[in-house]
């Protein structure tokens, strides 16, 4: 699936029929998907609130396929990353990381969450800084300071509302994915001096926290 030459924006995808056609095209595209990369306008517009524009069967197929794209690639995916301007995302993290990283980053397995029209609300004032990457900016990473605890309010595929309190890495993932639904990417909130290629991250800065990188490169770390 290649959307690089597709200039459709929200003003051009206004009807439910157009959204159905777009989602159907995404689902029919060869797998694995080629995730929409930074520069596409769909990543810079707030997503349209989901209000039943798709049939239940099509919505379920889309959410299942989004989840199926994650293993070995990422821990979250938002519909705009597939060129679909709807407020939908999925999160799932097996957290298969060394115990030291799991402890420092408070990264533990996060079972599947389907995010339909999600809202994230910070709890308290604590923040944490860690390197992040994104499927829509392949090959790069940067340090982002995020809220340590949040409340996630959303609905699942069946329209059932739920609320979860998330801490540590699950809270970070939820913030990252809901940012996508607001037209925001992690680079907008990153520490500019921390930005690097994944190769150089692995070579120089792959530590449990970005403290050493901050000290050497000259940026603050929460």
N, C-alpha and C. Protein backbone atom coordinates (compact mmCIF):
# COMPACT_ATOMS: atom_id res chain seq x y z
N UNK A 1 0.85 -1.19 0.00
CA UNK A 1 0.00 0.00 0.00
C UNK A 1 0.88 1.23 0.00
N UNK A 2 0.71 2.10 -0.94
CA UNK A 2 1.53 3.30 -1.04
C UNK A 2 0.64 4.52 -1.19
N UNK A 3 0.72 5.39 -0.18
CA UNK A 3 -0.15 6.57 -0.19
C UNK A 3 0.61 7.84 -0.50
N UNK A 4 1.89 7.72 -0.90
CA UNK A 4 2.74 8.90 -1.06
C UNK A 4 2.15 9.90 -2.06
N UNK A 5 1.51 9.39 -3.10
CA UNK A 5 0.96 10.30 -4.09
C UNK A 5 -0.51 10.61 -3.89
N UNK A 6 -1.08 10.16 -2.80
CA UNK A 6 -2.50 10.35 -2.52
C UNK A 6 -2.68 11.64 -1.74
N UNK A 7 -3.25 12.66 -2.35
CA UNK A 7 -3.35 13.98 -1.73
C UNK A 7 -4.70 14.20 -1.04
N UNK A 8 -5.46 13.15 -0.83
CA UNK A 8 -6.76 13.31 -0.19
C UNK A 8 -6.60 13.82 1.24
N UNK A 9 -7.43 14.78 1.63
CA UNK A 9 -7.44 15.30 2.99
C UNK A 9 -8.85 15.15 3.54
N UNK A 10 -9.04 15.61 4.78
CA UNK A 10 -10.35 15.45 5.41
C UNK A 10 -11.46 16.11 4.62
N UNK A 11 -11.16 17.25 4.00
CA UNK A 11 -12.20 17.94 3.25
C UNK A 11 -12.63 17.13 2.03
N UNK A 12 -11.78 16.21 1.59
CA UNK A 12 -12.07 15.40 0.42
C UNK A 12 -12.60 14.02 0.81
N UNK A 13 -12.43 13.63 2.09
CA UNK A 13 -12.97 12.37 2.58
C UNK A 13 -14.01 12.71 3.63
N UNK A 14 -15.17 13.11 3.16
CA UNK A 14 -16.18 13.65 4.07
C UNK A 14 -17.32 12.68 4.34
N UNK A 15 -17.58 11.77 3.41
CA UNK A 15 -18.75 10.92 3.56
C UNK A 15 -18.38 9.55 4.08
N UNK A 16 -19.37 8.88 4.67
CA UNK A 16 -19.14 7.52 5.15
C UNK A 16 -18.77 6.59 4.00
N UNK A 17 -19.37 6.79 2.82
CA UNK A 17 -19.05 5.94 1.67
C UNK A 17 -17.59 6.06 1.29
N UNK A 18 -17.06 7.26 1.33
CA UNK A 18 -15.65 7.46 0.99
C UNK A 18 -14.75 6.77 2.02
N UNK A 19 -15.13 6.86 3.29
CA UNK A 19 -14.34 6.20 4.32
C UNK A 19 -14.40 4.68 4.17
N UNK A 20 -15.57 4.15 3.85
CA UNK A 20 -15.70 2.72 3.62
C UNK A 20 -14.80 2.28 2.48
N UNK A 21 -14.80 3.04 1.39
CA UNK A 21 -13.96 2.70 0.24
C UNK A 21 -12.49 2.73 0.61
N UNK A 22 -12.10 3.74 1.39
CA UNK A 22 -10.71 3.87 1.80
C UNK A 22 -10.28 2.71 2.69
N UNK A 23 -11.08 2.39 3.70
CA UNK A 23 -10.75 1.29 4.60
C UNK A 23 -10.70 -0.03 3.84
N UNK A 24 -11.63 -0.23 2.93
CA UNK A 24 -11.64 -1.46 2.14
C UNK A 24 -10.37 -1.58 1.31
N UNK A 25 -9.92 -0.46 0.74
CA UNK A 25 -8.69 -0.48 -0.05
C UNK A 25 -7.48 -0.81 0.82
N UNK A 26 -7.45 -0.26 2.03
CA UNK A 26 -6.35 -0.56 2.95
C UNK A 26 -6.34 -2.05 3.30
N UNK A 27 -7.50 -2.58 3.60
CA UNK A 27 -7.59 -4.00 3.98
C UNK A 27 -7.25 -4.92 2.82
N UNK A 28 -7.47 -4.48 1.60
CA UNK A 28 -7.16 -5.30 0.42
C UNK A 28 -5.71 -5.15 -0.03
N UNK A 29 -4.98 -4.21 0.55
CA UNK A 29 -3.59 -3.97 0.15
C UNK A 29 -2.68 -5.10 0.61
N UNK A 30 -1.59 -5.33 -0.11
CA UNK A 30 -0.65 -6.39 0.29
C UNK A 30 -0.09 -6.15 1.69
N UNK A 31 0.19 -7.23 2.39
CA UNK A 31 0.78 -7.18 3.73
C UNK A 31 2.23 -7.64 3.65
N UNK A 32 3.09 -7.18 4.55
CA UNK A 32 2.80 -6.17 5.55
C UNK A 32 2.59 -4.80 4.93
N UNK A 33 1.80 -3.99 5.62
CA UNK A 33 1.51 -2.65 5.13
C UNK A 33 2.76 -1.78 5.10
N UNK A 34 2.77 -0.85 4.17
CA UNK A 34 3.75 0.21 4.17
C UNK A 34 3.12 1.39 4.91
N UNK A 35 3.54 1.60 6.15
CA UNK A 35 2.89 2.59 7.01
C UNK A 35 3.16 4.00 6.47
N UNK A 36 2.14 4.83 6.52
CA UNK A 36 2.23 6.21 6.05
C UNK A 36 3.36 6.94 6.77
N UNK A 37 4.23 7.60 6.00
CA UNK A 37 5.39 8.27 6.57
C UNK A 37 5.17 9.77 6.72
N UNK A 38 5.95 10.37 7.61
CA UNK A 38 5.86 11.79 7.92
C UNK A 38 5.95 12.62 6.64
N UNK A 39 5.08 13.60 6.53
CA UNK A 39 4.97 14.43 5.35
C UNK A 39 3.62 14.27 4.68
N UNK A 40 2.97 13.13 4.92
CA UNK A 40 1.62 12.92 4.40
C UNK A 40 0.65 13.78 5.22
N UNK A 41 -0.26 14.51 4.58
CA UNK A 41 -1.16 15.41 5.33
C UNK A 41 -2.04 14.72 6.34
N UNK A 42 -2.36 13.44 6.15
CA UNK A 42 -3.24 12.75 7.09
C UNK A 42 -2.62 12.67 8.48
N UNK A 43 -1.30 12.73 8.57
CA UNK A 43 -0.63 12.68 9.87
C UNK A 43 -0.63 14.02 10.58
N UNK A 44 -1.10 15.07 9.90
CA UNK A 44 -1.06 16.42 10.47
C UNK A 44 -2.43 17.05 10.64
N UNK A 45 -3.48 16.23 10.49
CA UNK A 45 -4.84 16.72 10.73
C UNK A 45 -5.46 15.93 11.87
N UNK A 46 -6.24 16.58 12.75
CA UNK A 46 -6.97 15.81 13.77
C UNK A 46 -7.87 14.78 13.11
N UNK A 47 -7.87 13.58 13.66
CA UNK A 47 -8.69 12.51 13.10
C UNK A 47 -10.18 12.80 13.32
N UNK A 48 -10.99 12.25 12.45
CA UNK A 48 -12.44 12.39 12.54
C UNK A 48 -12.96 11.45 13.64
N UNK A 49 -13.81 11.95 14.49
CA UNK A 49 -14.40 11.13 15.54
C UNK A 49 -15.16 9.96 14.91
N UNK A 50 -14.95 8.76 15.48
CA UNK A 50 -15.66 7.60 14.95
C UNK A 50 -17.09 7.59 15.47
N UNK A 51 -18.03 7.62 14.54
CA UNK A 51 -19.46 7.64 14.90
C UNK A 51 -20.22 6.66 14.02
N UNK A 52 -19.66 5.46 13.86
CA UNK A 52 -20.35 4.42 13.11
C UNK A 52 -20.25 4.55 11.60
N UNK A 53 -19.21 5.24 11.11
CA UNK A 53 -19.08 5.40 9.66
C UNK A 53 -18.83 4.07 8.95
N UNK A 54 -18.33 3.06 9.69
CA UNK A 54 -18.06 1.75 9.12
C UNK A 54 -19.05 0.74 9.68
N UNK A 55 -19.32 -0.30 8.93
CA UNK A 55 -20.11 -1.39 9.48
C UNK A 55 -19.32 -2.07 10.59
N UNK A 56 -20.01 -2.75 11.50
CA UNK A 56 -19.31 -3.47 12.56
C UNK A 56 -18.30 -4.45 11.98
N UNK A 57 -18.69 -5.14 10.91
CA UNK A 57 -17.80 -6.14 10.31
C UNK A 57 -16.53 -5.48 9.77
N UNK A 58 -16.66 -4.33 9.13
CA UNK A 58 -15.49 -3.64 8.56
C UNK A 58 -14.62 -3.06 9.67
N UNK A 59 -15.25 -2.49 10.69
CA UNK A 59 -14.48 -1.97 11.82
C UNK A 59 -13.69 -3.08 12.49
N UNK A 60 -14.32 -4.22 12.72
CA UNK A 60 -13.63 -5.33 13.38
C UNK A 60 -12.49 -5.85 12.53
N UNK A 61 -12.69 -5.94 11.23
CA UNK A 61 -11.61 -6.37 10.34
C UNK A 61 -10.43 -5.41 10.40
N UNK A 62 -10.74 -4.12 10.42
CA UNK A 62 -9.67 -3.12 10.47
C UNK A 62 -8.89 -3.22 11.77
N UNK A 63 -9.59 -3.28 12.90
CA UNK A 63 -8.89 -3.36 14.19
C UNK A 63 -8.08 -4.66 14.29
N UNK A 64 -8.63 -5.76 13.80
CA UNK A 64 -7.89 -7.02 13.82
C UNK A 64 -6.63 -6.92 12.97
N UNK A 65 -6.74 -6.31 11.80
CA UNK A 65 -5.58 -6.18 10.92
C UNK A 65 -4.53 -5.24 11.51
N UNK A 66 -4.97 -4.17 12.18
CA UNK A 66 -4.03 -3.25 12.81
C UNK A 66 -3.25 -3.96 13.91
N UNK A 67 -3.97 -4.75 14.70
CA UNK A 67 -3.28 -5.53 15.74
C UNK A 67 -2.32 -6.53 15.11
N UNK A 68 -2.73 -7.15 14.02
CA UNK A 68 -1.89 -8.13 13.36
C UNK A 68 -0.62 -7.55 12.78
N UNK A 69 -0.60 -6.25 12.55
CA UNK A 69 0.60 -5.61 12.00
C UNK A 69 1.67 -5.37 13.06
N UNK A 70 1.29 -5.39 14.34
CA UNK A 70 2.21 -4.98 15.40
C UNK A 70 3.37 -5.94 15.68
N UNK A 71 3.14 -7.25 15.80
CA UNK A 71 4.22 -8.12 16.27
C UNK A 71 5.50 -7.97 15.45
N UNK A 72 6.59 -7.70 16.17
CA UNK A 72 7.88 -7.52 15.55
C UNK A 72 8.09 -6.17 14.91
N UNK A 73 7.08 -5.29 14.97
CA UNK A 73 7.20 -3.98 14.33
C UNK A 73 6.99 -2.82 15.29
N UNK A 74 6.02 -2.95 16.19
CA UNK A 74 5.73 -1.84 17.08
C UNK A 74 4.78 -2.27 18.18
N UNK A 75 4.42 -1.32 19.03
CA UNK A 75 3.53 -1.59 20.15
C UNK A 75 2.24 -0.79 20.07
N UNK A 76 2.06 -0.04 19.00
CA UNK A 76 0.84 0.71 18.81
C UNK A 76 0.74 1.18 17.37
N UNK A 77 -0.49 1.37 16.92
CA UNK A 77 -0.72 1.83 15.55
C UNK A 77 -2.03 2.60 15.53
N UNK A 78 -2.00 3.79 14.93
CA UNK A 78 -3.18 4.63 14.80
C UNK A 78 -3.66 4.62 13.36
N UNK A 79 -4.96 4.73 13.17
CA UNK A 79 -5.53 4.67 11.83
C UNK A 79 -4.92 5.68 10.86
N UNK A 80 -4.62 6.93 11.29
CA UNK A 80 -3.99 7.85 10.34
C UNK A 80 -2.65 7.34 9.78
N UNK A 81 -1.99 6.45 10.51
CA UNK A 81 -0.74 5.89 10.00
C UNK A 81 -0.97 4.94 8.84
N UNK A 82 -2.22 4.62 8.58
CA UNK A 82 -2.59 3.83 7.41
C UNK A 82 -3.30 4.68 6.37
N UNK A 83 -3.29 5.99 6.58
CA UNK A 83 -3.97 6.90 5.66
C UNK A 83 -5.45 7.04 5.94
N UNK A 84 -5.91 6.52 7.08
CA UNK A 84 -7.34 6.53 7.42
C UNK A 84 -7.59 7.59 8.49
N UNK A 85 -8.31 8.66 8.20
CA UNK A 85 -8.45 9.78 9.14
C UNK A 85 -9.55 9.58 10.18
N UNK A 86 -9.56 8.41 10.83
CA UNK A 86 -10.55 8.12 11.86
C UNK A 86 -9.86 7.99 13.22
N UNK A 87 -10.57 8.31 14.29
CA UNK A 87 -10.03 8.27 15.64
C UNK A 87 -10.04 6.85 16.19
N UNK A 88 -9.14 6.04 15.65
CA UNK A 88 -9.00 4.63 16.02
C UNK A 88 -7.54 4.29 16.19
N UNK A 89 -7.24 3.45 17.17
CA UNK A 89 -5.86 2.99 17.37
C UNK A 89 -5.90 1.67 18.13
N UNK A 90 -4.79 0.96 18.08
CA UNK A 90 -4.62 -0.25 18.88
C UNK A 90 -3.28 -0.16 19.60
N UNK A 91 -3.24 -0.76 20.79
CA UNK A 91 -2.03 -0.82 21.62
C UNK A 91 -1.88 -2.24 22.13
N UNK A 92 -0.68 -2.78 22.02
CA UNK A 92 -0.38 -4.08 22.61
C UNK A 92 1.14 -4.21 22.72
N UNK A 93 1.62 -4.49 23.92
CA UNK A 93 3.06 -4.58 24.15
C UNK A 93 3.40 -5.84 24.93
N UNK A 94 4.08 -6.81 24.31
CA UNK A 94 4.50 -8.00 25.04
C UNK A 94 5.64 -7.72 26.02
N UNK A 95 6.29 -6.56 25.85
CA UNK A 95 7.37 -6.13 26.76
C UNK A 95 8.46 -7.18 26.91
N UNK A 96 8.90 -7.71 25.79
CA UNK A 96 9.98 -8.70 25.81
C UNK A 96 11.32 -7.99 25.83
N UNK A 97 11.61 -7.37 26.97
CA UNK A 97 12.86 -6.62 27.16
C UNK A 97 13.58 -7.17 28.38
N UNK A 98 14.89 -6.95 28.48
CA UNK A 98 15.62 -7.40 29.67
C UNK A 98 15.03 -6.84 30.96
N UNK A 99 15.20 -7.58 32.04
CA UNK A 99 14.61 -7.19 33.32
C UNK A 99 15.06 -5.81 33.76
N UNK A 100 16.32 -5.46 33.49
CA UNK A 100 16.83 -4.14 33.89
C UNK A 100 16.04 -3.03 33.21
N UNK A 101 15.78 -3.19 31.92
CA UNK A 101 15.01 -2.18 31.20
C UNK A 101 13.57 -2.14 31.68
N UNK A 102 12.99 -3.29 31.90
CA UNK A 102 11.61 -3.35 32.37
C UNK A 102 11.46 -2.61 33.69
N UNK A 103 12.43 -2.77 34.57
CA UNK A 103 12.37 -2.14 35.89
C UNK A 103 12.52 -0.62 35.78
N UNK A 104 13.55 -0.18 35.06
CA UNK A 104 13.84 1.25 34.97
C UNK A 104 12.74 2.00 34.23
N UNK A 105 12.25 1.39 33.16
CA UNK A 105 11.26 2.06 32.32
C UNK A 105 9.83 1.75 32.73
N UNK A 106 9.66 0.90 33.73
CA UNK A 106 8.33 0.44 34.14
C UNK A 106 7.56 -0.05 32.91
N UNK A 107 8.23 -0.94 32.21
CA UNK A 107 7.64 -1.51 31.01
C UNK A 107 7.27 -2.96 31.27
N UNK A 108 5.99 -3.19 31.41
CA UNK A 108 5.49 -4.54 31.63
C UNK A 108 4.46 -4.85 30.54
N UNK A 109 4.15 -6.13 30.35
CA UNK A 109 3.22 -6.48 29.27
C UNK A 109 1.90 -5.72 29.36
N UNK A 110 1.52 -5.14 28.24
CA UNK A 110 0.24 -4.45 28.14
C UNK A 110 -0.66 -5.22 27.18
N UNK A 111 -1.71 -5.87 27.72
CA UNK A 111 -2.63 -6.59 26.82
C UNK A 111 -3.28 -5.63 25.83
N UNK A 112 -3.86 -6.21 24.81
CA UNK A 112 -4.48 -5.43 23.74
C UNK A 112 -5.49 -4.43 24.28
N UNK A 113 -5.37 -3.21 23.79
CA UNK A 113 -6.37 -2.17 24.02
C UNK A 113 -6.81 -1.66 22.66
N UNK A 114 -8.10 -1.64 22.42
CA UNK A 114 -8.66 -1.02 21.24
C UNK A 114 -9.12 0.38 21.63
N UNK A 115 -8.60 1.36 20.94
CA UNK A 115 -8.87 2.75 21.28
C UNK A 115 -9.78 3.36 20.23
N UNK A 116 -11.05 3.51 20.57
CA UNK A 116 -12.01 4.19 19.71
C UNK A 116 -12.35 5.51 20.38
N UNK A 117 -12.05 6.61 19.70
CA UNK A 117 -12.24 7.97 20.24
C UNK A 117 -11.58 8.13 21.61
N UNK A 118 -10.29 7.81 21.72
CA UNK A 118 -9.65 7.86 23.04
C UNK A 118 -9.34 9.28 23.50
N UNK A 119 -9.32 9.44 24.82
CA UNK A 119 -8.90 10.68 25.47
C UNK A 119 -7.93 10.30 26.58
N UNK A 120 -6.78 10.96 26.62
CA UNK A 120 -5.78 10.73 27.66
C UNK A 120 -5.71 11.96 28.55
N UNK A 121 -5.81 11.73 29.86
CA UNK A 121 -5.75 12.82 30.83
C UNK A 121 -4.61 12.56 31.81
N UNK A 122 -3.67 13.51 31.96
CA UNK A 122 -2.56 13.30 32.90
C UNK A 122 -3.06 13.16 34.32
N UNK A 123 -2.37 12.34 35.09
CA UNK A 123 -2.61 12.21 36.53
C UNK A 123 -1.33 12.65 37.24
N UNK A 124 -1.43 13.70 38.03
CA UNK A 124 -0.24 14.22 38.72
C UNK A 124 0.65 15.00 37.78
N UNK A 125 1.85 15.32 38.28
CA UNK A 125 2.77 16.16 37.51
C UNK A 125 4.07 15.45 37.14
N UNK A 126 4.25 14.21 37.57
CA UNK A 126 5.50 13.51 37.26
C UNK A 126 5.62 13.23 35.77
N UNK A 127 6.83 13.41 35.27
CA UNK A 127 7.13 13.13 33.88
C UNK A 127 8.39 12.26 33.81
N UNK A 128 8.56 11.55 32.70
CA UNK A 128 9.74 10.73 32.47
C UNK A 128 10.21 10.93 31.03
N UNK A 129 11.52 10.92 30.85
CA UNK A 129 12.12 11.09 29.53
C UNK A 129 12.75 9.79 29.06
N UNK A 130 12.41 9.36 27.85
CA UNK A 130 13.02 8.19 27.24
C UNK A 130 13.03 8.38 25.72
N UNK A 131 13.90 7.60 25.09
CA UNK A 131 13.90 7.59 23.63
C UNK A 131 12.63 6.91 23.11
N UNK A 132 12.11 7.46 22.02
CA UNK A 132 10.96 6.89 21.33
C UNK A 132 11.26 6.77 19.85
N UNK A 133 10.56 5.84 19.20
CA UNK A 133 10.58 5.75 17.76
C UNK A 133 9.14 5.73 17.25
N UNK A 134 8.99 5.64 15.93
CA UNK A 134 7.64 5.67 15.35
C UNK A 134 7.65 4.96 14.01
N UNK A 135 6.60 4.20 13.77
CA UNK A 135 6.47 3.49 12.50
C UNK A 135 6.30 4.46 11.33
N UNK A 136 5.96 5.72 11.61
CA UNK A 136 5.80 6.72 10.56
C UNK A 136 7.05 7.57 10.38
N UNK A 137 8.12 7.26 11.11
CA UNK A 137 9.42 7.92 10.93
C UNK A 137 10.50 6.87 11.07
N UNK A 138 10.54 5.99 10.10
CA UNK A 138 11.42 4.84 10.17
C UNK A 138 12.88 5.27 10.18
N UNK A 139 13.65 4.66 11.11
CA UNK A 139 15.09 4.88 11.12
C UNK A 139 15.57 5.95 12.06
N UNK A 140 14.66 6.60 12.80
CA UNK A 140 15.06 7.69 13.70
C UNK A 140 14.47 7.49 15.10
N UNK A 141 15.08 8.13 16.08
CA UNK A 141 14.59 8.10 17.45
C UNK A 141 14.99 9.39 18.14
N UNK A 142 14.27 9.75 19.20
CA UNK A 142 14.58 10.96 19.96
C UNK A 142 13.95 10.84 21.34
N UNK A 143 14.47 11.64 22.27
CA UNK A 143 13.98 11.63 23.63
C UNK A 143 12.73 12.50 23.75
N UNK A 144 11.71 11.93 24.39
CA UNK A 144 10.45 12.64 24.62
C UNK A 144 10.11 12.57 26.11
N UNK A 145 9.78 13.70 26.70
CA UNK A 145 9.30 13.76 28.08
C UNK A 145 7.78 13.60 28.05
N UNK A 146 7.28 12.60 28.80
CA UNK A 146 5.84 12.36 28.83
C UNK A 146 5.35 12.21 30.27
N UNK A 147 4.04 12.34 30.44
CA UNK A 147 3.43 12.15 31.75
C UNK A 147 3.63 10.70 32.19
N UNK A 148 3.97 10.54 33.46
CA UNK A 148 4.25 9.20 33.99
C UNK A 148 2.98 8.40 34.24
N UNK A 149 1.89 9.08 34.61
CA UNK A 149 0.61 8.41 34.87
C UNK A 149 -0.49 9.15 34.11
N UNK A 150 -1.39 8.38 33.51
CA UNK A 150 -2.49 8.98 32.77
C UNK A 150 -3.76 8.16 32.98
N UNK A 151 -4.87 8.78 32.70
CA UNK A 151 -6.14 8.06 32.62
C UNK A 151 -6.52 7.98 31.15
N UNK A 152 -6.80 6.79 30.69
CA UNK A 152 -7.23 6.56 29.31
C UNK A 152 -8.72 6.26 29.31
N UNK A 153 -9.48 7.07 28.60
CA UNK A 153 -10.91 6.85 28.40
C UNK A 153 -11.15 6.61 26.92
N UNK A 154 -11.81 5.51 26.60
CA UNK A 154 -12.06 5.16 25.20
C UNK A 154 -13.21 4.18 25.14
N UNK A 155 -13.50 3.72 23.94
CA UNK A 155 -14.48 2.65 23.72
C UNK A 155 -13.80 1.52 22.96
N UNK A 156 -14.34 0.31 23.10
CA UNK A 156 -13.81 -0.81 22.34
C UNK A 156 -14.61 -0.96 21.03
N UNK A 157 -14.34 -2.02 20.30
CA UNK A 157 -14.96 -2.22 18.99
C UNK A 157 -16.48 -2.34 19.05
N UNK A 158 -16.99 -2.72 20.21
CA UNK A 158 -18.44 -2.90 20.36
C UNK A 158 -19.13 -1.69 20.95
N UNK A 159 -18.38 -0.61 21.10
CA UNK A 159 -18.97 0.60 21.64
C UNK A 159 -19.04 0.65 23.15
N UNK A 160 -18.36 -0.30 23.81
CA UNK A 160 -18.35 -0.31 25.27
C UNK A 160 -17.30 0.66 25.79
N UNK A 161 -17.73 1.64 26.57
CA UNK A 161 -16.79 2.62 27.12
C UNK A 161 -15.99 1.98 28.25
N UNK A 162 -14.72 2.39 28.38
CA UNK A 162 -13.88 1.90 29.47
C UNK A 162 -12.91 3.00 29.90
N UNK A 163 -12.36 2.83 31.07
CA UNK A 163 -11.37 3.77 31.61
C UNK A 163 -10.29 2.98 32.31
N UNK A 164 -9.02 3.27 31.98
CA UNK A 164 -7.88 2.61 32.61
C UNK A 164 -6.90 3.65 33.10
N UNK A 165 -6.31 3.38 34.25
CA UNK A 165 -5.18 4.18 34.70
C UNK A 165 -3.90 3.46 34.27
N UNK A 166 -3.05 4.17 33.55
CA UNK A 166 -1.83 3.58 33.02
C UNK A 166 -0.62 4.31 33.59
N UNK A 167 0.44 3.56 33.83
CA UNK A 167 1.67 4.10 34.41
C UNK A 167 2.85 3.60 33.60
N UNK A 168 3.91 4.41 33.56
CA UNK A 168 5.15 3.98 32.94
C UNK A 168 5.02 3.85 31.43
N UNK A 169 5.56 2.74 30.89
CA UNK A 169 5.61 2.58 29.44
C UNK A 169 4.22 2.47 28.81
N UNK A 170 3.27 1.74 29.40
CA UNK A 170 1.92 1.74 28.83
C UNK A 170 1.33 3.14 28.71
N UNK A 171 1.59 4.00 29.70
CA UNK A 171 1.12 5.38 29.62
C UNK A 171 1.78 6.11 28.46
N UNK A 172 3.06 5.84 28.24
CA UNK A 172 3.79 6.47 27.13
C UNK A 172 3.20 6.04 25.79
N UNK A 173 2.93 4.76 25.64
CA UNK A 173 2.37 4.28 24.38
C UNK A 173 1.01 4.92 24.12
N UNK A 174 0.16 4.98 25.14
CA UNK A 174 -1.17 5.57 24.98
C UNK A 174 -1.06 7.03 24.56
N UNK A 175 -0.13 7.77 25.16
CA UNK A 175 0.06 9.17 24.78
C UNK A 175 0.55 9.29 23.34
N UNK A 176 1.48 8.43 22.96
CA UNK A 176 2.02 8.46 21.60
C UNK A 176 0.92 8.23 20.57
N UNK A 177 0.08 7.21 20.80
CA UNK A 177 -0.95 6.88 19.82
C UNK A 177 -2.07 7.91 19.78
N UNK A 178 -2.48 8.42 20.94
CA UNK A 178 -3.54 9.44 20.92
C UNK A 178 -3.02 10.75 20.33
N UNK A 179 -1.73 11.02 20.48
CA UNK A 179 -1.15 12.18 19.79
C UNK A 179 -1.37 12.07 18.29
N UNK A 180 -1.15 10.88 17.73
CA UNK A 180 -1.36 10.69 16.30
C UNK A 180 -2.77 11.10 15.89
N UNK A 181 -3.74 10.84 16.75
CA UNK A 181 -5.13 11.14 16.43
C UNK A 181 -5.42 12.63 16.51
N UNK A 182 -4.48 13.39 17.07
CA UNK A 182 -4.61 14.84 17.11
C UNK A 182 -3.71 15.54 16.10
N UNK A 183 -3.11 14.77 15.21
CA UNK A 183 -2.22 15.35 14.21
C UNK A 183 -0.84 15.68 14.74
N UNK A 184 -0.46 15.05 15.84
CA UNK A 184 0.83 15.31 16.50
C UNK A 184 1.71 14.07 16.40
N UNK A 185 2.99 14.27 16.11
CA UNK A 185 3.96 13.17 16.10
C UNK A 185 4.98 13.41 17.20
N UNK A 186 5.69 12.34 17.59
CA UNK A 186 6.58 12.48 18.75
C UNK A 186 7.66 13.53 18.53
N UNK A 187 8.04 13.74 17.27
CA UNK A 187 9.08 14.72 16.98
C UNK A 187 8.67 16.12 17.43
N UNK A 188 7.37 16.42 17.44
CA UNK A 188 6.89 17.74 17.86
C UNK A 188 7.22 18.03 19.31
N UNK A 189 7.36 16.98 20.13
CA UNK A 189 7.59 17.15 21.56
C UNK A 189 8.98 16.66 22.00
N UNK A 190 9.80 16.26 21.03
CA UNK A 190 11.09 15.66 21.35
C UNK A 190 12.13 16.72 21.68
N UNK A 191 13.18 16.29 22.39
CA UNK A 191 14.35 17.12 22.62
C UNK A 191 15.18 17.12 21.34
N UNK A 192 15.28 18.27 20.64
CA UNK A 192 15.95 18.29 19.33
C UNK A 192 17.38 17.74 19.35
N UNK A 193 18.12 18.01 20.42
CA UNK A 193 19.52 17.59 20.44
C UNK A 193 19.68 16.08 20.62
N UNK A 194 18.61 15.40 20.96
CA UNK A 194 18.68 13.95 21.15
C UNK A 194 18.42 13.18 19.86
N UNK A 195 17.90 13.84 18.84
CA UNK A 195 17.49 13.15 17.62
C UNK A 195 18.68 12.46 16.98
N UNK A 196 18.48 11.19 16.60
CA UNK A 196 19.56 10.45 15.95
C UNK A 196 18.98 9.29 15.15
N UNK A 197 19.82 8.72 14.31
CA UNK A 197 19.41 7.52 13.59
C UNK A 197 19.37 6.35 14.56
N UNK A 198 18.60 5.34 14.22
CA UNK A 198 18.55 4.14 15.07
C UNK A 198 19.92 3.48 15.14
N UNK A 199 20.67 3.52 14.05
CA UNK A 199 22.01 2.93 14.06
C UNK A 199 22.90 3.62 15.08
N UNK A 200 22.86 4.94 15.13
CA UNK A 200 23.70 5.66 16.09
C UNK A 200 23.16 5.56 17.51
N UNK A 201 21.84 5.41 17.64
CA UNK A 201 21.30 5.13 18.98
C UNK A 201 21.88 3.82 19.51
N UNK A 202 21.85 2.79 18.69
CA UNK A 202 22.41 1.50 19.12
C UNK A 202 23.90 1.60 19.38
N UNK A 203 24.58 2.41 18.65
CA UNK A 203 26.04 2.53 18.78
C UNK A 203 26.46 3.32 20.01
N UNK A 204 25.72 4.42 20.30
CA UNK A 204 26.18 5.35 21.33
C UNK A 204 25.27 5.47 22.57
N UNK A 205 23.95 5.40 22.38
CA UNK A 205 23.06 5.85 23.45
C UNK A 205 22.10 4.78 23.96
N UNK A 206 22.34 3.54 23.63
CA UNK A 206 21.42 2.47 24.03
C UNK A 206 21.66 2.06 25.47
N UNK A 207 21.14 2.89 26.40
CA UNK A 207 21.23 2.63 27.83
C UNK A 207 19.82 2.64 28.43
N UNK A 208 19.67 2.15 29.66
CA UNK A 208 18.33 2.10 30.25
C UNK A 208 17.62 3.45 30.32
N UNK A 209 18.37 4.54 30.53
CA UNK A 209 17.79 5.88 30.53
C UNK A 209 18.63 6.77 29.62
N UNK A 210 18.10 7.92 29.21
CA UNK A 210 18.86 8.83 28.36
C UNK A 210 19.74 9.80 29.16
N UNK A 211 20.04 9.49 30.42
CA UNK A 211 20.82 10.41 31.25
C UNK A 211 22.19 10.69 30.65
N UNK A 212 22.89 9.66 30.21
CA UNK A 212 24.22 9.88 29.64
C UNK A 212 24.14 10.69 28.36
N UNK A 213 23.16 10.39 27.54
CA UNK A 213 22.99 11.15 26.30
C UNK A 213 22.70 12.61 26.62
N UNK A 214 21.85 12.87 27.62
CA UNK A 214 21.54 14.22 27.99
C UNK A 214 22.76 14.97 28.49
N UNK A 215 23.58 14.30 29.31
CA UNK A 215 24.77 14.95 29.82
C UNK A 215 25.77 15.28 28.71
N UNK A 216 25.94 14.37 27.79
CA UNK A 216 26.93 14.58 26.73
C UNK A 216 26.43 15.55 25.67
N UNK A 217 25.17 15.41 25.30
CA UNK A 217 24.62 16.21 24.20
C UNK A 217 24.06 17.55 24.68
N UNK A 218 23.82 17.68 25.99
CA UNK A 218 23.41 18.96 26.55
C UNK A 218 21.92 19.21 26.51
N UNK A 219 21.13 18.25 27.04
CA UNK A 219 19.71 18.50 27.21
C UNK A 219 19.24 17.92 28.52
N UNK A 220 18.15 18.48 29.06
CA UNK A 220 17.63 18.07 30.35
C UNK A 220 16.85 16.78 30.21
N UNK A 221 16.89 15.97 31.28
CA UNK A 221 16.17 14.68 31.32
C UNK A 221 15.30 14.65 32.56
N UNK A 222 14.01 14.37 32.39
CA UNK A 222 13.10 14.26 33.53
C UNK A 222 13.32 12.94 34.26
